[in-house]
Amino acid sequence: MTTRLAVTLGDPRGIGPELVARTLGTDVVPGDVSLVLVGPSGTGVDVDVDVGAWDPRDGAAGAGRLAGRAIEAAVRLAQQGAVQGIVTAPLDKAALHAGGYDFPGHTEMLGALTGTEPAMMLAATRPSVAGGTPLRVVLATTHVALRDVPRLLTAETIAHAAALTRDHLQRWFGIAEPRIALCAMNPHAGDGGRFGREDDELLAPAARAAGLAGPLPADTVFVRAMRGAFDAVIAPYHDVGMTAIKVAAFGSAVNVTLGLPFPRTSPDHGTALDIAGQGIADPSSFHEAMRLCATLAAREAAVA
């Protein structure tokens, strides 16, 4: 059975189109996988689903509008069953907003288009230390200001992230009994209340209720996970989780959206507007995203 993946080109000003172009005709994509390229014409990539012509004079707003249309078109293909997964090249969040889409990123837009509440996982595709476990980090809160985290981080958001993480580790990564840790919010997990009460009063009860280890201090929990103690770590806010995974596995990690009706992956980097068009962008993470999406789509089909 052939697996079909929709691949969006991302922001046409960025490195997305060249990453896609450098993937075509290579052995990155298995022979039983076919690609449906979705994006604007005029980028040098022949697309299968044209969402409009790219004109550099349209600037950031034009680029964001076309990137948003590509996401919408890819989701329609997946909802219709025409593709079994989506791989997205990077977009620029400010351009997306300027183009008329009021979302802070791919994850939130995909959730709105599918009527779901997805979670963002950054997954290393190989261990970072010898004999260890590939680091996987799931965000309990995503693209929000740090000052808003205490308000948005609730027992319900932690429970939701935990449930999605456990389900997808079992279904997609073949881990029958996932070991999941909750990263603390404050230094030293609050140090008995000296640095805040959130870890004792919110995170600890939420962890117990969801069957998680922790909360464990951020300066040790990710190291323990990489050494094999945990299959995933739930981070309370964006930067504590993203910093850990990118230091540990930048270029070989993949952004995986949990909770959608279909697999969606993306590279672990942005549009790199400063080097776009120079042919020097590293395609490693994009290639890992392609491989992983094909694998996850095949696993989904096997259990359907």
Protein backbone atom coordinates (compact mmCIF):
# COMPACT_ATOMS: atom_id res chain seq x y z
CA MET A 1 0.00 0.00 0.00
CA THR A 2 1.34 3.41 -0.98
CA THR A 3 1.47 6.07 1.72
CA ARG A 4 0.75 9.59 0.47
CA LEU A 5 2.08 12.60 2.34
CA ALA A 6 1.18 16.24 1.78
CA VAL A 7 4.27 18.46 1.97
CA THR A 8 3.79 22.19 2.41
CA LEU A 9 6.52 24.54 1.18
CA GLY A 10 6.23 26.91 4.13
CA ASP A 11 7.15 30.57 3.85
CA PRO A 12 8.26 31.12 0.23
CA ARG A 13 10.90 33.61 1.38
CA GLY A 14 12.53 31.00 3.61
CA ILE A 15 14.46 27.79 3.16
CA GLY A 16 11.36 25.58 2.86
CA PRO A 17 11.20 25.45 -0.94
CA GLU A 18 14.88 24.56 -1.27
CA LEU A 19 14.63 21.87 1.41
CA VAL A 20 11.74 20.32 -0.48
CA ALA A 21 13.62 20.59 -3.80
CA ARG A 22 16.70 18.91 -2.29
CA THR A 23 14.53 16.04 -1.03
CA LEU A 24 12.89 15.16 -4.32
CA GLY A 25 14.53 12.34 -6.23
CA THR A 26 16.58 11.18 -3.24
CA ASP A 27 16.31 8.04 -1.16
CA VAL A 28 15.07 10.07 1.82
CA VAL A 29 11.52 9.11 0.95
CA PRO A 30 10.93 5.32 0.83
CA GLY A 31 9.74 3.85 -2.45
CA ASP A 32 6.26 3.10 -1.10
CA VAL A 33 5.70 6.77 -0.19
CA SER A 34 4.44 9.39 -2.62
CA LEU A 35 4.43 13.14 -2.04
CA VAL A 36 1.80 15.75 -2.79
CA LEU A 37 3.52 19.13 -2.84
CA VAL A 38 1.35 21.98 -1.61
CA GLY A 39 2.30 25.62 -1.90
CA PRO A 40 2.62 28.62 -4.19
CA SER A 41 3.92 28.58 -7.72
CA GLY A 42 6.95 30.72 -8.50
CA THR A 43 9.34 29.29 -5.92
CA GLY A 44 11.22 26.98 -8.30
CA VAL A 45 9.36 23.90 -7.05
CA ASP A 46 6.66 22.32 -9.20
CA VAL A 47 3.68 21.96 -6.86
CA ASP A 48 0.77 19.56 -7.16
CA VAL A 49 -1.64 21.84 -5.30
CA ASP A 50 -1.09 25.50 -6.22
CA VAL A 51 -2.33 27.96 -3.59
CA GLY A 52 -1.42 31.07 -5.59
CA ALA A 53 1.51 32.74 -7.28
CA TRP A 54 4.39 34.00 -5.16
CA ASP A 55 5.58 37.51 -5.94
CA PRO A 56 8.45 38.76 -3.74
CA ARG A 57 6.99 42.25 -3.97
CA ASP A 58 4.11 41.04 -1.80
CA GLY A 59 6.48 40.89 1.17
CA ALA A 60 5.84 39.22 4.50
CA ALA A 61 2.05 39.52 4.35
CA GLY A 62 1.92 37.84 0.95
CA ALA A 63 4.26 35.10 2.10
CA GLY A 64 2.21 34.46 5.24
CA ARG A 65 -1.03 34.37 3.30
CA LEU A 66 0.31 31.74 0.90
CA ALA A 67 1.82 29.68 3.73
CA GLY A 68 -1.54 29.73 5.51
CA ARG A 69 -3.40 28.66 2.39
CA ALA A 70 -1.00 25.75 1.96
CA ILE A 71 -1.73 24.53 5.48
CA GLU A 72 -5.46 24.75 4.87
CA ALA A 73 -5.14 22.83 1.60
CA ALA A 74 -2.98 20.11 3.16
CA VAL A 75 -5.45 19.63 6.02
CA ARG A 76 -8.31 19.29 3.53
CA LEU A 77 -6.38 16.57 1.71
CA ALA A 78 -5.82 14.71 4.98
CA GLN A 79 -9.45 15.06 6.07
CA GLN A 80 -10.59 13.72 2.70
CA GLY A 81 -8.26 10.72 3.01
CA ALA A 82 -6.24 11.78 -0.04
CA VAL A 83 -3.07 11.82 2.08
CA GLN A 84 -2.21 9.96 5.28
CA GLY A 85 0.08 12.55 6.84
CA ILE A 86 1.42 16.08 6.52
CA VAL A 87 5.00 17.37 6.58
CA THR A 88 5.29 21.13 6.93
CA ALA A 89 8.28 23.25 5.96
CA PRO A 90 8.89 26.22 8.29
CA LEU A 91 6.74 29.31 8.29
CA ASP A 92 7.29 32.74 9.78
CA LYS A 93 4.83 33.43 12.60
CA ALA A 94 4.84 37.21 12.14
CA ALA A 95 4.26 36.78 8.40
CA LEU A 96 1.43 34.32 9.04
CA HIS A 97 -0.26 36.90 11.24
CA ALA A 98 0.35 39.67 8.69
CA GLY A 99 -1.23 37.42 6.06
CA GLY A 100 -4.50 37.26 7.96
CA TYR A 101 -4.06 34.16 10.14
CA ASP A 102 -4.30 34.89 13.85
CA PHE A 103 -2.36 31.87 15.10
CA PRO A 104 0.99 31.82 16.89
CA GLY A 105 2.17 28.81 14.91
CA HIS A 106 1.46 25.61 13.00
CA THR A 107 0.26 23.66 16.03
CA GLU A 108 -2.47 26.07 17.02
CA MET A 109 -3.64 26.52 13.42
CA LEU A 110 -3.80 22.78 12.85
CA GLY A 111 -5.83 22.40 16.03
CA ALA A 112 -8.33 25.04 14.90
CA LEU A 113 -8.68 23.50 11.44
CA THR A 114 -9.33 20.03 12.84
CA GLY A 115 -11.33 20.93 15.95
CA THR A 116 -8.76 19.33 18.24
CA GLU A 117 -6.48 20.38 21.12
CA PRO A 118 -3.10 19.09 19.98
CA ALA A 119 0.19 19.07 21.84
CA MET A 120 3.66 19.74 20.50
CA MET A 121 6.31 17.05 20.85
CA LEU A 122 9.94 17.54 19.85
CA ALA A 123 11.38 14.06 19.34
CA ALA A 124 15.02 13.18 18.84
CA THR A 125 15.38 10.43 16.26
CA ARG A 126 18.41 8.86 17.93
CA PRO A 127 19.93 8.75 21.43
CA SER A 128 22.06 11.74 22.40
CA VAL A 129 24.25 9.64 24.72
CA ALA A 130 25.59 6.13 24.23
CA GLY A 131 23.17 3.54 25.56
CA GLY A 132 20.54 6.16 26.25
CA THR A 133 17.02 6.92 25.05
CA PRO A 134 16.06 9.42 22.33
CA LEU A 135 14.90 12.55 24.13
CA ARG A 136 11.23 13.42 23.62
CA VAL A 137 9.80 16.62 25.03
CA VAL A 138 6.11 17.56 25.09
CA LEU A 139 4.96 21.09 25.90
CA ALA A 140 2.10 21.61 28.34
CA THR A 141 1.85 25.25 27.18
CA THR A 142 3.17 26.37 23.83
CA HIS A 143 3.56 29.78 22.21
CA VAL A 144 2.64 32.07 25.09
CA ALA A 145 4.44 34.79 27.02
CA LEU A 146 6.27 33.58 30.10
CA ARG A 147 4.17 35.89 32.27
CA ASP A 148 1.05 33.99 31.15
CA VAL A 149 2.36 30.52 32.00
CA PRO A 150 1.21 30.48 35.67
CA ARG A 151 -2.34 31.26 34.52
CA LEU A 152 -2.42 28.76 31.64
CA LEU A 153 -0.59 25.89 33.32
CA THR A 154 -3.35 23.97 35.09
CA ALA A 155 -3.99 20.45 36.29
CA GLU A 156 -6.17 20.02 33.20
CA THR A 157 -3.45 21.11 30.73
CA ILE A 158 -0.95 18.78 32.39
CA ALA A 159 -3.42 15.88 32.34
CA HIS A 160 -4.21 16.53 28.67
CA ALA A 161 -0.54 16.60 27.70
CA ALA A 162 0.09 13.44 29.71
CA ALA A 163 -2.79 11.56 28.08
CA LEU A 164 -1.70 12.52 24.56
CA THR A 165 1.92 11.68 25.31
CA ARG A 166 1.11 8.25 26.74
CA ASP A 167 -1.27 7.37 23.90
CA HIS A 168 1.13 8.36 21.13
CA LEU A 169 4.18 6.75 22.74
CA GLN A 170 2.20 3.53 22.70
CA ARG A 171 0.66 3.86 19.22
CA TRP A 172 3.45 5.55 17.30
CA PHE A 173 6.63 4.63 19.15
CA GLY A 174 5.72 1.12 20.28
CA ILE A 175 6.33 1.74 24.00
CA ALA A 176 3.86 -0.43 25.89
CA GLU A 177 4.34 1.16 29.32
CA PRO A 178 5.66 4.70 28.80
CA ARG A 179 7.73 6.28 31.55
CA ILE A 180 6.91 9.99 31.56
CA ALA A 181 8.33 12.72 33.79
CA LEU A 182 7.00 16.19 34.52
CA CYS A 183 9.57 18.97 34.50
CA ALA A 184 9.28 21.41 37.38
CA MET A 185 8.27 25.02 36.85
CA ASN A 186 10.58 26.70 39.37
CA PRO A 187 14.30 26.31 40.14
CA HIS A 188 14.98 23.14 42.14
CA ALA A 189 11.26 22.30 41.90
CA GLY A 190 10.55 25.23 44.23
CA ASP A 191 13.00 24.05 46.92
CA GLY A 192 10.21 23.38 49.42
CA GLY A 193 8.43 26.61 48.60
CA ARG A 194 11.41 28.93 48.79
CA PHE A 195 11.23 29.61 45.03
CA GLY A 196 7.48 29.35 44.56
CA ARG A 197 4.63 27.08 45.61
CA GLU A 198 3.48 26.01 42.12
CA ASP A 199 5.47 22.77 42.07
CA ASP A 200 4.16 21.61 45.46
CA GLU A 201 0.59 22.82 45.12
CA LEU A 202 -0.12 22.35 41.38
CA LEU A 203 2.44 20.22 39.58
CA ALA A 204 2.94 17.51 42.23
CA PRO A 205 -0.78 16.64 42.58
CA ALA A 206 -1.21 16.83 38.80
CA ALA A 207 1.73 14.47 38.29
CA ARG A 208 0.33 11.95 40.76
CA ALA A 209 -3.10 12.06 39.15
CA ALA A 210 -1.66 11.56 35.66
CA GLY A 211 0.83 8.85 36.62
CA LEU A 212 3.89 10.99 35.98
CA ALA A 213 7.20 11.12 37.80
CA GLY A 214 7.94 14.48 39.33
CA PRO A 215 7.89 17.36 39.18
CA LEU A 216 11.63 17.03 38.73
CA PRO A 217 14.06 19.97 38.43
CA ALA A 218 14.74 21.13 34.89
CA ASP A 219 18.51 20.97 35.39
CA THR A 220 18.43 17.19 35.84
CA VAL A 221 15.23 15.72 34.37
CA PHE A 222 16.29 15.99 30.73
CA VAL A 223 19.68 14.46 31.45
CA ARG A 224 17.97 11.57 33.22
CA ALA A 225 15.66 11.09 30.26
CA MET A 226 18.55 11.02 27.79
CA ARG A 227 20.27 8.40 29.94
CA GLY A 228 17.23 6.14 29.75
CA ALA A 229 15.18 6.88 32.86
CA PHE A 230 12.17 8.28 30.96
CA ASP A 231 10.62 7.90 27.52
CA ALA A 232 9.38 11.51 27.47
CA VAL A 233 9.40 14.67 29.55
CA ILE A 234 6.46 17.08 29.77
CA ALA A 235 7.73 20.66 30.00
CA PRO A 236 5.59 23.32 31.67
CA TYR A 237 6.48 26.05 29.18
CA HIS A 238 8.03 26.50 25.75
CA ASP A 239 11.62 27.53 26.30
CA VAL A 240 12.57 25.11 29.07
CA GLY A 241 11.53 22.20 26.86
CA MET A 242 12.69 23.54 23.51
CA THR A 243 16.10 24.56 24.81
CA ALA A 244 16.71 21.08 26.19
CA ILE A 245 15.79 19.22 23.01
CA LYS A 246 17.64 21.59 20.69
CA VAL A 247 20.83 21.48 22.72
CA ALA A 248 20.60 17.69 22.85
CA ALA A 249 19.58 16.96 19.24
CA PHE A 250 19.41 20.01 16.98
CA GLY A 251 19.27 18.90 13.36
CA SER A 252 18.13 15.38 14.16
CA ALA A 253 14.97 16.17 16.11
CA VAL A 254 11.48 16.39 14.66
CA ASN A 255 8.45 18.45 15.64
CA VAL A 256 5.56 15.97 15.98
CA THR A 257 1.99 17.14 16.59
CA LEU A 258 0.05 14.89 18.97
CA GLY A 259 -3.72 14.70 18.96
CA LEU A 260 -4.57 15.41 15.32
CA PRO A 261 -6.60 12.96 13.19
CA PHE A 262 -3.41 12.33 11.17
CA PRO A 263 0.36 12.46 11.71
CA ARG A 264 2.04 15.82 11.15
CA THR A 265 5.77 16.46 11.40
CA SER A 266 8.07 19.39 10.80
CA PRO A 267 11.80 20.13 11.13
CA ASP A 268 13.14 21.49 14.42
CA HIS A 269 14.10 24.89 12.99
CA GLY A 270 12.60 28.00 11.45
CA THR A 271 12.61 29.74 8.08
CA ALA A 272 16.25 30.92 8.21
CA LEU A 273 15.43 33.96 6.10
CA ASP A 274 19.04 35.13 6.33
CA ILE A 275 20.39 32.17 4.31
CA ALA A 276 17.41 31.36 2.09
CA GLY A 277 18.23 30.88 -1.56
CA GLN A 278 21.95 30.29 -0.96
CA GLY A 279 21.74 26.50 -1.09
CA ILE A 280 23.53 26.10 2.25
CA ALA A 281 20.60 25.18 4.50
CA ASP A 282 21.06 21.87 6.33
CA PRO A 283 18.24 19.51 5.27
CA SER A 284 18.90 16.95 8.02
CA SER A 285 15.94 17.72 10.27
CA PHE A 286 13.59 18.08 7.30
CA HIS A 287 14.67 14.67 6.05
CA GLU A 288 14.11 13.19 9.50
CA ALA A 289 10.64 14.76 9.51
CA MET A 290 9.85 13.13 6.16
CA ARG A 291 11.00 9.70 7.31
CA LEU A 292 9.20 9.88 10.62
CA CYS A 293 5.91 11.05 9.10
CA ALA A 294 6.01 8.15 6.62
CA THR A 295 6.63 5.72 9.48
CA LEU A 296 3.88 7.15 11.67
CA ALA A 297 1.37 7.19 8.80
CA ALA A 298 2.09 3.53 8.09
CA ARG A 299 1.62 2.65 11.77
CA GLU A 300 -1.66 4.54 11.89
CA ALA A 301 -2.88 2.64 8.85
CA ALA A 302 -1.90 -0.67 10.45
CA VAL A 303 -4.04 -0.07 13.54
CA ALA A 304 -6.98 1.57 11.74
